[in-house]
Structures are given as C-alpha cells and as structure tokens.
Amino acid sequence: MPTTEQTLRCFQICQNLTKMYLSIDLVSLDHRTGNIVIIAVRETVIEIYPNGNWRFINEK
C-alpha cells in the first residue's frame, strides 16, 4: 500500500498532467522499492518516494 504522502502527491501529479491534456499510460506501485511509478505520454516517467518526494526519471 502506498503511504499517505505518496497518495496525495500521486493525485496532485496526475491532476497536473491531465490539466495539460497529457495522457497517463500507467500508474503502478513498485513492490521492490515501495515507490509509485507514473508513465505519461509514453516518455515521461515520474517516481514518487514513500515520503512524497518525487523526481523525473530519464530512460534515455
């Protein structure tokens, strides 16, 4: 289960992405690390840590 901080941050990020009319392709909880992963527009990858901090992941 995600933490409260992760849940709130995930909602905020998803809301901001959809306000910009960007599609969200995947939202998943990585059980190995405990991080939430959001993939949007097939190339934007965002990772949310259990404390609510987040970062962009560059897959290139």
PDB file of N, CA and C in Angstrom:
ATOM      1  N   MET A   1       0.836  -1.189   0.000  1.00  0.00           N
ATOM      2  CA  MET A   1       0.000   0.000   0.000  1.00  0.00           C
ATOM      3  C   MET A   1       0.876   1.247   0.000  1.00  0.00           C
ATOM      4  N   PRO A   2       0.504   2.229  -0.789  1.00  0.00           N
ATOM      5  CA  PRO A   2       1.264   3.486  -0.782  1.00  0.00           C
ATOM      6  C   PRO A   2       1.033   4.258   0.516  1.00  0.00           C
ATOM      7  N   THR A   3       1.988   5.101   0.852  1.00  0.00           N
ATOM      8  CA  THR A   3       1.847   5.940   2.045  1.00  0.00           C
ATOM      9  C   THR A   3       0.864   7.078   1.743  1.00  0.00           C
ATOM     10  N   THR A   4       0.420   7.743   2.778  1.00  0.00           N
ATOM     11  CA  THR A   4      -0.478   8.887   2.613  1.00  0.00           C
ATOM     12  C   THR A   4       0.188   9.979   1.782  1.00  0.00           C
ATOM     13  N   GLU A   5       1.465  10.230   2.056  1.00  0.00           N
ATOM     14  CA  GLU A   5       2.199  11.254   1.309  1.00  0.00           C
ATOM     15  C   GLU A   5       2.277  10.895  -0.172  1.00  0.00           C
ATOM     16  N   GLN A   6       2.553   9.628  -0.474  1.00  0.00           N
ATOM     17  CA  GLN A   6       2.615   9.184  -1.870  1.00  0.00           C
ATOM     18  C   GLN A   6       1.264   9.336  -2.553  1.00  0.00           C
ATOM     19  N   THR A   7       0.207   8.960  -1.866  1.00  0.00           N
ATOM     20  CA  THR A   7      -1.130   9.023  -2.439  1.00  0.00           C
ATOM     21  C   THR A   7      -1.498  10.458  -2.804  1.00  0.00           C
ATOM     22  N   LEU A   8      -1.248  11.385  -1.885  1.00  0.00           N
ATOM     23  CA  LEU A   8      -1.561  12.793  -2.146  1.00  0.00           C
ATOM     24  C   LEU A   8      -0.720  13.350  -3.291  1.00  0.00           C
ATOM     25  N   ARG A   9       0.575  13.024  -3.301  1.00  0.00           N
ATOM     26  CA  ARG A   9       1.457  13.519  -4.356  1.00  0.00           C
ATOM     27  C   ARG A   9       1.061  12.909  -5.701  1.00  0.00           C
ATOM     28  N   CYS A  10       0.713  11.641  -5.718  1.00  0.00           N
ATOM     29  CA  CYS A  10       0.283  10.980  -6.960  1.00  0.00           C
ATOM     30  C   CYS A  10      -0.948  11.670  -7.518  1.00  0.00           C
ATOM     31  N   PHE A  11      -1.914  11.970  -6.659  1.00  0.00           N
ATOM     32  CA  PHE A  11      -3.120  12.668  -7.102  1.00  0.00           C
ATOM     33  C   PHE A  11      -2.768  14.030  -7.686  1.00  0.00           C
ATOM     34  N   GLN A  12      -1.902  14.782  -7.003  1.00  0.00           N
ATOM     35  CA  GLN A  12      -1.514  16.108  -7.477  1.00  0.00           C
ATOM     36  C   GLN A  12      -0.823  16.037  -8.836  1.00  0.00           C
ATOM     37  N   ILE A  13       0.098  15.102  -8.993  1.00  0.00           N
ATOM     38  CA  ILE A  13       0.827  14.979 -10.255  1.00  0.00           C
ATOM     39  C   ILE A  13      -0.110  14.548 -11.375  1.00  0.00           C
ATOM     40  N   CYS A  14      -0.962  13.571 -11.115  1.00  0.00           N
ATOM     41  CA  CYS A  14      -1.910  13.116 -12.140  1.00  0.00           C
ATOM     42  C   CYS A  14      -2.868  14.238 -12.530  1.00  0.00           C
ATOM     43  N   GLN A  15      -3.311  15.006 -11.553  1.00  0.00           N
ATOM     44  CA  GLN A  15      -4.189  16.130 -11.835  1.00  0.00           C
ATOM     45  C   GLN A  15      -3.480  17.160 -12.711  1.00  0.00           C
ATOM     46  N   ASN A  16      -2.232  17.474 -12.398  1.00  0.00           N
ATOM     47  CA  ASN A  16      -1.478  18.446 -13.193  1.00  0.00           C
ATOM     48  C   ASN A  16      -1.236  17.941 -14.615  1.00  0.00           C
ATOM     49  N   LEU A  17      -0.947  16.659 -14.760  1.00  0.00           N
ATOM     50  CA  LEU A  17      -0.726  16.104 -16.099  1.00  0.00           C
ATOM     51  C   LEU A  17      -1.996  16.201 -16.939  1.00  0.00           C
ATOM     52  N   THR A  18      -3.126  15.860 -16.356  1.00  0.00           N
ATOM     53  CA  THR A  18      -4.374  15.896 -17.121  1.00  0.00           C
ATOM     54  C   THR A  18      -4.849  17.327 -17.370  1.00  0.00           C
ATOM     55  N   LYS A  19      -4.498  18.274 -16.500  1.00  0.00           N
ATOM     56  CA  LYS A  19      -4.814  19.681 -16.768  1.00  0.00           C
ATOM     57  C   LYS A  19      -4.099  20.167 -18.018  1.00  0.00           C
ATOM     58  N   MET A  20      -2.944  19.561 -18.322  1.00  0.00           N
ATOM     59  CA  MET A  20      -2.182  19.910 -19.524  1.00  0.00           C
ATOM     60  C   MET A  20      -2.563  18.997 -20.699  1.00  0.00           C
ATOM     61  N   TYR A  21      -3.641  18.248 -20.531  1.00  0.00           N
ATOM     62  CA  TYR A  21      -4.148  17.327 -21.551  1.00  0.00           C
ATOM     63  C   TYR A  21      -3.126  16.267 -21.956  1.00  0.00           C
ATOM     64  N   LEU A  22      -2.327  15.827 -21.000  1.00  0.00           N
ATOM     65  CA  LEU A  22      -1.375  14.746 -21.238  1.00  0.00           C
ATOM     66  C   LEU A  22      -1.982  13.441 -20.744  1.00  0.00           C
ATOM     67  N   SER A  23      -1.868  12.406 -21.542  1.00  0.00           N
ATOM     68  CA  SER A  23      -2.445  11.118 -21.139  1.00  0.00           C
ATOM     69  C   SER A  23      -1.522  10.409 -20.153  1.00  0.00           C
ATOM     70  N   ILE A  24      -2.128   9.699 -19.226  1.00  0.00           N
ATOM     71  CA  ILE A  24      -1.399   8.895 -18.257  1.00  0.00           C
ATOM     72  C   ILE A  24      -1.511   7.451 -18.721  1.00  0.00           C
ATOM     73  N   ASP A  25      -0.362   6.838 -19.008  1.00  0.00           N
ATOM     74  CA  ASP A  25      -0.347   5.481 -19.536  1.00  0.00           C
ATOM     75  C   ASP A  25      -0.317   4.412 -18.441  1.00  0.00           C
ATOM     76  N   LEU A  26       0.334   4.711 -17.324  1.00  0.00           N
ATOM     77  CA  LEU A  26       0.490   3.700 -16.277  1.00  0.00           C
ATOM     78  C   LEU A  26       0.713   4.374 -14.929  1.00  0.00           C
ATOM     79  N   VAL A  27       0.078   3.848 -13.900  1.00  0.00           N
ATOM     80  CA  VAL A  27       0.371   4.211 -12.506  1.00  0.00           C
ATOM     81  C   VAL A  27       0.514   2.896 -11.765  1.00  0.00           C
ATOM     82  N   SER A  28       1.679   2.681 -11.148  1.00  0.00           N
ATOM     83  CA  SER A  28       1.937   1.392 -10.508  1.00  0.00           C
ATOM     84  C   SER A  28       2.787   1.580  -9.266  1.00  0.00           C
ATOM     85  N   LEU A  29       2.640   0.668  -8.328  1.00  0.00           N
ATOM     86  CA  LEU A  29       3.463   0.651  -7.116  1.00  0.00           C
ATOM     87  C   LEU A  29       4.533  -0.415  -7.297  1.00  0.00           C
ATOM     88  N   ASP A  30       5.796  -0.009  -7.258  1.00  0.00           N
ATOM     89  CA  ASP A  30       6.911  -0.948  -7.352  1.00  0.00           C
ATOM     90  C   ASP A  30       7.102  -1.573  -5.972  1.00  0.00           C
ATOM     91  N   HIS A  31       6.744  -2.844  -5.837  1.00  0.00           N
ATOM     92  CA  HIS A  31       6.807  -3.505  -4.524  1.00  0.00           C
ATOM     93  C   HIS A  31       8.242  -3.738  -4.060  1.00  0.00           C
ATOM     94  N   ARG A  32       9.199  -3.711  -4.979  1.00  0.00           N
ATOM     95  CA  ARG A  32      10.602  -3.885  -4.585  1.00  0.00           C
ATOM     96  C   ARG A  32      11.125  -2.667  -3.838  1.00  0.00           C
ATOM     97  N   THR A  33      10.758  -1.456  -4.321  1.00  0.00           N
ATOM     98  CA  THR A  33      11.294  -0.223  -3.743  1.00  0.00           C
ATOM     99  C   THR A  33      10.284   0.534  -2.891  1.00  0.00           C
ATOM    100  N   GLY A  34       8.987   0.254  -3.090  1.00  0.00           N
ATOM    101  CA  GLY A  34       7.948   0.998  -2.392  1.00  0.00           C
ATOM    102  C   GLY A  34       7.610   2.314  -3.065  1.00  0.00           C
ATOM    103  N   ASN A  35       8.126   2.550  -4.272  1.00  0.00           N
ATOM    104  CA  ASN A  35       7.890   3.794  -4.994  1.00  0.00           C
ATOM    105  C   ASN A  35       6.719   3.642  -5.961  1.00  0.00           C
ATOM    106  N   ILE A  36       5.987   4.737  -6.148  1.00  0.00           N
ATOM    107  CA  ILE A  36       4.952   4.784  -7.180  1.00  0.00           C
ATOM    108  C   ILE A  36       5.616   5.256  -8.464  1.00  0.00           C
ATOM    109  N   VAL A  37       5.271   4.611  -9.570  1.00  0.00           N
ATOM    110  CA  VAL A  37       5.804   4.981 -10.870  1.00  0.00           C
ATOM    111  C   VAL A  37       4.639   5.427 -11.748  1.00  0.00           C
ATOM    112  N   ILE A  38       4.789   6.591 -12.372  1.00  0.00           N
ATOM    113  CA  ILE A  38       3.789   7.118 -13.303  1.00  0.00           C
ATOM    114  C   ILE A  38       4.460   7.262 -14.661  1.00  0.00           C
ATOM    115  N   ILE A  39       3.844   6.677 -15.683  1.00  0.00           N
ATOM    116  CA  ILE A  39       4.317   6.870 -17.051  1.00  0.00           C
ATOM    117  C   ILE A  39       3.233   7.637 -17.783  1.00  0.00           C
ATOM    118  N   ALA A  40       3.613   8.775 -18.332  1.00  0.00           N
ATOM    119  CA  ALA A  40       2.674   9.629 -19.057  1.00  0.00           C
ATOM    120  C   ALA A  40       3.236   9.932 -20.441  1.00  0.00           C
ATOM    121  N   VAL A  41       2.369   9.965 -21.411  1.00  0.00           N
ATOM    122  CA  VAL A  41       2.715  10.286 -22.795  1.00  0.00           C
ATOM    123  C   VAL A  41       3.860   9.397 -23.287  1.00  0.00           C
ATOM    124  N   ARG A  42       3.911   8.195 -22.812  1.00  0.00           N
ATOM    125  CA  ARG A  42       4.872   7.161 -23.220  1.00  0.00           C
ATOM    126  C   ARG A  42       6.332   7.505 -23.012  1.00  0.00           C
ATOM    127  N   GLU A  43       6.644   8.699 -22.578  1.00  0.00           N
ATOM    128  CA  GLU A  43       8.059   9.036 -22.405  1.00  0.00           C
ATOM    129  C   GLU A  43       8.360   9.780 -21.112  1.00  0.00           C
ATOM    130  N   THR A  44       7.361  10.276 -20.440  1.00  0.00           N
ATOM    131  CA  THR A  44       7.560  10.960 -19.174  1.00  0.00           C
ATOM    132  C   THR A  44       7.388   9.949 -18.041  1.00  0.00           C
ATOM    133  N   VAL A  45       8.465   9.717 -17.298  1.00  0.00           N
ATOM    134  CA  VAL A  45       8.431   8.757 -16.194  1.00  0.00           C
ATOM    135  C   VAL A  45       8.694   9.521 -14.908  1.00  0.00           C
ATOM    136  N   ILE A  46       7.782   9.371 -13.957  1.00  0.00           N
ATOM    137  CA  ILE A  46       7.882  10.053 -12.664  1.00  0.00           C
ATOM    138  C   ILE A  46       7.869   8.991 -11.580  1.00  0.00           C
ATOM    139  N   GLU A  47       8.756   9.143 -10.610  1.00  0.00           N
ATOM    140  CA  GLU A  47       8.842   8.216  -9.487  1.00  0.00           C
ATOM    141  C   GLU A  47       8.534   8.984  -8.206  1.00  0.00           C
ATOM    142  N   ILE A  48       7.634   8.435  -7.381  1.00  0.00           N
ATOM    143  CA  ILE A  48       7.248   9.076  -6.120  1.00  0.00           C
ATOM    144  C   ILE A  48       7.721   8.188  -4.970  1.00  0.00           C
ATOM    145  N   TYR A  49       8.527   8.740  -4.097  1.00  0.00           N
ATOM    146  CA  TYR A  49       9.079   8.008  -2.968  1.00  0.00           C
ATOM    147  C   TYR A  49       8.080   7.945  -1.813  1.00  0.00           C
ATOM    148  N   PRO A  50       8.265   7.019  -0.881  1.00  0.00           N
ATOM    149  CA  PRO A  50       7.326   6.895   0.245  1.00  0.00           C
ATOM    150  C   PRO A  50       7.136   8.174   1.059  1.00  0.00           C
ATOM    151  N   ASN A  51       8.132   9.064   1.086  1.00  0.00           N
ATOM    152  CA  ASN A  51       7.994  10.316   1.850  1.00  0.00           C
ATOM    153  C   ASN A  51       7.268  11.416   1.063  1.00  0.00           C
ATOM    154  N   GLY A  52       6.850  11.118  -0.198  1.00  0.00           N
ATOM    155  CA  GLY A  52       6.124  12.093  -1.005  1.00  0.00           C
ATOM    156  C   GLY A  52       6.995  12.884  -1.957  1.00  0.00           C
ATOM    157  N   ASN A  53       8.312  12.831  -1.786  1.00  0.00           N
ATOM    158  CA  ASN A  53       9.199  13.485  -2.747  1.00  0.00           C
ATOM    159  C   ASN A  53       9.130  12.730  -4.066  1.00  0.00           C
ATOM    160  N   TRP A  54       9.414  13.424  -5.165  1.00  0.00           N
ATOM    161  CA  TRP A  54       9.333  12.788  -6.468  1.00  0.00           C
ATOM    162  C   TRP A  54      10.419  13.324  -7.374  1.00  0.00           C
ATOM    163  N   ARG A  55      10.622  12.612  -8.502  1.00  0.00           N
ATOM    164  CA  ARG A  55      11.600  13.056  -9.494  1.00  0.00           C
ATOM    165  C   ARG A  55      11.239  12.479 -10.859  1.00  0.00           C
ATOM    166  N   PHE A  56      11.719  13.157 -11.893  1.00  0.00           N
ATOM    167  CA  PHE A  56      11.608  12.631 -13.245  1.00  0.00           C
ATOM    168  C   PHE A  56      12.709  11.597 -13.438  1.00  0.00           C
ATOM    169  N   ILE A  57      12.397  10.534 -14.140  1.00  0.00           N
ATOM    170  CA  ILE A  57      13.380   9.512 -14.477  1.00  0.00           C
ATOM    171  C   ILE A  57      13.660   9.615 -15.968  1.00  0.00           C
ATOM    172  N   ASN A  58      14.918   9.759 -16.333  1.00  0.00           N
ATOM    173  CA  ASN A  58      15.291   9.843 -17.738  1.00  0.00           C
ATOM    174  C   ASN A  58      15.662   8.442 -18.206  1.00  0.00           C
ATOM    175  N   GLU A  59      14.846   7.866 -19.077  1.00  0.00           N
ATOM    176  CA  GLU A  59      15.033   6.495 -19.549  1.00  0.00           C
ATOM    177  C   GLU A  59      16.039   6.409 -20.700  1.00  0.00           C
ATOM    178  N   LYS A  60      16.538   7.524 -21.208  1.00  0.00           N
ATOM    179  CA  LYS A  60      17.416   7.502 -22.384  1.00  0.00           C
ATOM    180  C   LYS A  60      18.812   7.102 -22.040  1.00  0.00           C
TER     181      LYS A  60
END
